[in-house]
């Protein structure tokens, strides 16, 4: 068991735990959600070349990636001015379009955004 830590409850956590009525229920909901999220991250993602990773990292370099920004990655790849050897932006954008949202989230998370 981990030691207690203070957590800021922004809108997503407040919405997630709105039905819970006490601290133990809130804690349980957050921990179950985190456990499921980690399992999703384990089973999703895309194999990317270094050039593809660099392109996506360039796009994500704005920092926080909201869900809609993650969904827009294929469009952003096509529009990006980023260029490097061995990068086929159209092929990458096509792969991103075919990926599930969970796959896209896993890619962004793996890159640290």
C-alpha atoms as a PDB file:
ATOM      1  CA  UNK A   1       0.000   0.000   0.000  1.00  0.00           C
ATOM      2  CA  UNK A   2       1.322   3.415  -0.928  1.00  0.00           C
ATOM      3  CA  UNK A   3       1.500   6.329   1.431  1.00  0.00           C
ATOM      4  CA  UNK A   4      -1.224   8.961   1.213  1.00  0.00           C
ATOM      5  CA  UNK A   5      -0.757  11.817  -1.173  1.00  0.00           C
ATOM      6  CA  UNK A   6      -2.790  14.887  -1.966  1.00  0.00           C
ATOM      7  CA  UNK A   7      -4.452  14.924  -5.368  1.00  0.00           C
ATOM      8  CA  UNK A   8      -6.026  17.885  -7.130  1.00  0.00           C
ATOM      9  CA  UNK A   9      -9.487  16.899  -8.340  1.00  0.00           C
ATOM     10  CA  UNK A  10      -9.820  18.654 -11.653  1.00  0.00           C
ATOM     11  CA  UNK A  11     -12.960  18.207 -13.758  1.00  0.00           C
ATOM     12  CA  UNK A  12     -12.093  14.690 -15.070  1.00  0.00           C
ATOM     13  CA  UNK A  13     -11.507  13.224 -11.594  1.00  0.00           C
ATOM     14  CA  UNK A  14     -14.500  15.054 -10.162  1.00  0.00           C
ATOM     15  CA  UNK A  15     -16.703  13.596 -12.916  1.00  0.00           C
ATOM     16  CA  UNK A  16     -15.189  10.120 -12.520  1.00  0.00           C
ATOM     17  CA  UNK A  17     -15.872  10.037  -8.765  1.00  0.00           C
ATOM     18  CA  UNK A  18     -19.140  12.007  -8.644  1.00  0.00           C
ATOM     19  CA  UNK A  19     -21.185   8.965  -7.553  1.00  0.00           C
ATOM     20  CA  UNK A  20     -18.832   7.979  -4.722  1.00  0.00           C
ATOM     21  CA  UNK A  21     -19.845   9.210  -1.278  1.00  0.00           C
ATOM     22  CA  UNK A  22     -16.791   8.673   0.924  1.00  0.00           C
ATOM     23  CA  UNK A  23     -13.016   8.680   0.771  1.00  0.00           C
ATOM     24  CA  UNK A  24     -12.682   4.889   0.504  1.00  0.00           C
ATOM     25  CA  UNK A  25     -15.121   4.754  -2.418  1.00  0.00           C
ATOM     26  CA  UNK A  26     -13.319   7.619  -4.181  1.00  0.00           C
ATOM     27  CA  UNK A  27      -9.943   5.965  -3.602  1.00  0.00           C
ATOM     28  CA  UNK A  28     -11.266   2.631  -4.860  1.00  0.00           C
ATOM     29  CA  UNK A  29     -12.724   4.195  -8.009  1.00  0.00           C
ATOM     30  CA  UNK A  30      -9.472   6.006  -8.837  1.00  0.00           C
ATOM     31  CA  UNK A  31      -7.343   2.893  -8.220  1.00  0.00           C
ATOM     32  CA  UNK A  32      -9.620   0.604 -10.287  1.00  0.00           C
ATOM     33  CA  UNK A  33      -9.611   3.129 -13.113  1.00  0.00           C
ATOM     34  CA  UNK A  34      -5.820   3.472 -12.966  1.00  0.00           C
ATOM     35  CA  UNK A  35      -5.369  -0.309 -12.958  1.00  0.00           C
ATOM     36  CA  UNK A  36      -7.576  -0.683 -16.034  1.00  0.00           C
ATOM     37  CA  UNK A  37      -5.844   2.231 -17.752  1.00  0.00           C
ATOM     38  CA  UNK A  38      -2.416   0.660 -17.174  1.00  0.00           C
ATOM     39  CA  UNK A  39      -3.681  -2.615 -18.615  1.00  0.00           C
ATOM     40  CA  UNK A  40      -4.986  -0.814 -21.699  1.00  0.00           C
ATOM     41  CA  UNK A  41      -1.581   0.865 -22.119  1.00  0.00           C
ATOM     42  CA  UNK A  42       0.101  -2.559 -21.913  1.00  0.00           C
ATOM     43  CA  UNK A  43      -1.959  -3.918 -24.801  1.00  0.00           C
ATOM     44  CA  UNK A  44      -2.144  -0.933 -27.125  1.00  0.00           C
ATOM     45  CA  UNK A  45       0.178   1.265 -29.109  1.00  0.00           C
ATOM     46  CA  UNK A  46       1.912   1.155 -32.463  1.00  0.00           C
ATOM     47  CA  UNK A  47       5.322   0.008 -33.611  1.00  0.00           C
ATOM     48  CA  UNK A  48       6.992   3.213 -34.775  1.00  0.00           C
ATOM     49  CA  UNK A  49      10.307   3.908 -36.434  1.00  0.00           C
ATOM     50  CA  UNK A  50      12.575   6.516 -34.900  1.00  0.00           C
ATOM     51  CA  UNK A  51      11.595   8.937 -37.687  1.00  0.00           C
ATOM     52  CA  UNK A  52       7.883   8.378 -36.961  1.00  0.00           C
ATOM     53  CA  UNK A  53       8.432   8.812 -33.220  1.00  0.00           C
ATOM     54  CA  UNK A  54      10.332  12.047 -33.868  1.00  0.00           C
ATOM     55  CA  UNK A  55       7.525  13.377 -36.064  1.00  0.00           C
ATOM     56  CA  UNK A  56       4.829  12.632 -33.495  1.00  0.00           C
ATOM     57  CA  UNK A  57       6.988  14.020 -30.673  1.00  0.00           C
ATOM     58  CA  UNK A  58       7.423  17.217 -32.710  1.00  0.00           C
ATOM     59  CA  UNK A  59       3.634  17.521 -33.016  1.00  0.00           C
ATOM     60  CA  UNK A  60       3.052  16.742 -29.323  1.00  0.00           C
ATOM     61  CA  UNK A  61       5.763  19.138 -28.156  1.00  0.00           C
ATOM     62  CA  UNK A  62       3.097  21.705 -27.308  1.00  0.00           C
ATOM     63  CA  UNK A  63       2.731  19.754 -24.050  1.00  0.00           C
ATOM     64  CA  UNK A  64      -0.609  18.454 -22.824  1.00  0.00           C
ATOM     65  CA  UNK A  65      -2.525  16.581 -25.515  1.00  0.00           C
ATOM     66  CA  UNK A  66      -6.304  16.776 -25.093  1.00  0.00           C
ATOM     67  CA  UNK A  67      -8.381  13.859 -26.418  1.00  0.00           C
ATOM     68  CA  UNK A  68      -9.410  15.760 -29.555  1.00  0.00           C
ATOM     69  CA  UNK A  69      -5.788  16.675 -30.271  1.00  0.00           C
ATOM     70  CA  UNK A  70      -4.873  12.994 -30.012  1.00  0.00           C
ATOM     71  CA  UNK A  71      -7.682  12.098 -32.435  1.00  0.00           C
ATOM     72  CA  UNK A  72      -6.342  14.767 -34.824  1.00  0.00           C
ATOM     73  CA  UNK A  73      -2.833  13.267 -34.993  1.00  0.00           C
ATOM     74  CA  UNK A  74      -3.267  11.928 -38.559  1.00  0.00           C
ATOM     75  CA  UNK A  75      -4.268  15.394 -39.786  1.00  0.00           C
ATOM     76  CA  UNK A  76      -1.446  17.017 -37.825  1.00  0.00           C
ATOM     77  CA  UNK A  77       1.124  14.604 -39.285  1.00  0.00           C
ATOM     78  CA  UNK A  78       0.017  15.556 -42.781  1.00  0.00           C
ATOM     79  CA  UNK A  79       0.208  19.281 -41.963  1.00  0.00           C
ATOM     80  CA  UNK A  80       3.462  19.214 -40.004  1.00  0.00           C
ATOM     81  CA  UNK A  81       6.461  20.952 -41.494  1.00  0.00           C
ATOM     82  CA  UNK A  82       8.642  18.352 -39.764  1.00  0.00           C
ATOM     83  CA  UNK A  83      10.850  16.448 -42.205  1.00  0.00           C
ATOM     84  CA  UNK A  84      13.521  13.813 -41.760  1.00  0.00           C
ATOM     85  CA  UNK A  85      15.059  10.990 -43.726  1.00  0.00           C
ATOM     86  CA  UNK A  86      13.078   7.769 -43.866  1.00  0.00           C
ATOM     87  CA  UNK A  87       9.811   9.472 -42.865  1.00  0.00           C
ATOM     88  CA  UNK A  88       6.775   8.846 -45.024  1.00  0.00           C
ATOM     89  CA  UNK A  89       4.245  11.207 -43.451  1.00  0.00           C
ATOM     90  CA  UNK A  90       1.356   9.959 -45.588  1.00  0.00           C
ATOM     91  CA  UNK A  91       2.006   6.334 -44.608  1.00  0.00           C
ATOM     92  CA  UNK A  92       2.263   7.344 -40.937  1.00  0.00           C
ATOM     93  CA  UNK A  93      -0.961   9.370 -41.126  1.00  0.00           C
ATOM     94  CA  UNK A  94      -2.739   6.408 -42.736  1.00  0.00           C
ATOM     95  CA  UNK A  95      -1.547   4.081 -39.948  1.00  0.00           C
ATOM     96  CA  UNK A  96      -2.688   6.584 -37.318  1.00  0.00           C
ATOM     97  CA  UNK A  97      -6.118   6.852 -38.967  1.00  0.00           C
ATOM     98  CA  UNK A  98      -6.490   3.066 -38.812  1.00  0.00           C
ATOM     99  CA  UNK A  99      -5.434   2.923 -35.139  1.00  0.00           C
ATOM    100  CA  UNK A 100      -7.898   2.845 -32.266  1.00  0.00           C
ATOM    101  CA  UNK A 101      -8.111   5.755 -29.857  1.00  0.00           C
ATOM    102  CA  UNK A 102      -6.486   3.526 -27.217  1.00  0.00           C
ATOM    103  CA  UNK A 103      -3.557   2.932 -29.593  1.00  0.00           C
ATOM    104  CA  UNK A 104      -3.167   6.672 -30.169  1.00  0.00           C
ATOM    105  CA  UNK A 105      -3.289   7.403 -26.437  1.00  0.00           C
ATOM    106  CA  UNK A 106      -0.659   4.717 -25.805  1.00  0.00           C
ATOM    107  CA  UNK A 107       1.640   6.296 -28.422  1.00  0.00           C
ATOM    108  CA  UNK A 108       1.273   9.762 -26.879  1.00  0.00           C
ATOM    109  CA  UNK A 109       1.777   8.386 -23.367  1.00  0.00           C
ATOM    110  CA  UNK A 110       4.865   6.409 -24.397  1.00  0.00           C
ATOM    111  CA  UNK A 111       6.364   9.601 -25.808  1.00  0.00           C
ATOM    112  CA  UNK A 112       5.715  11.319 -22.477  1.00  0.00           C
ATOM    113  CA  UNK A 113       2.947  13.713 -23.458  1.00  0.00           C
END
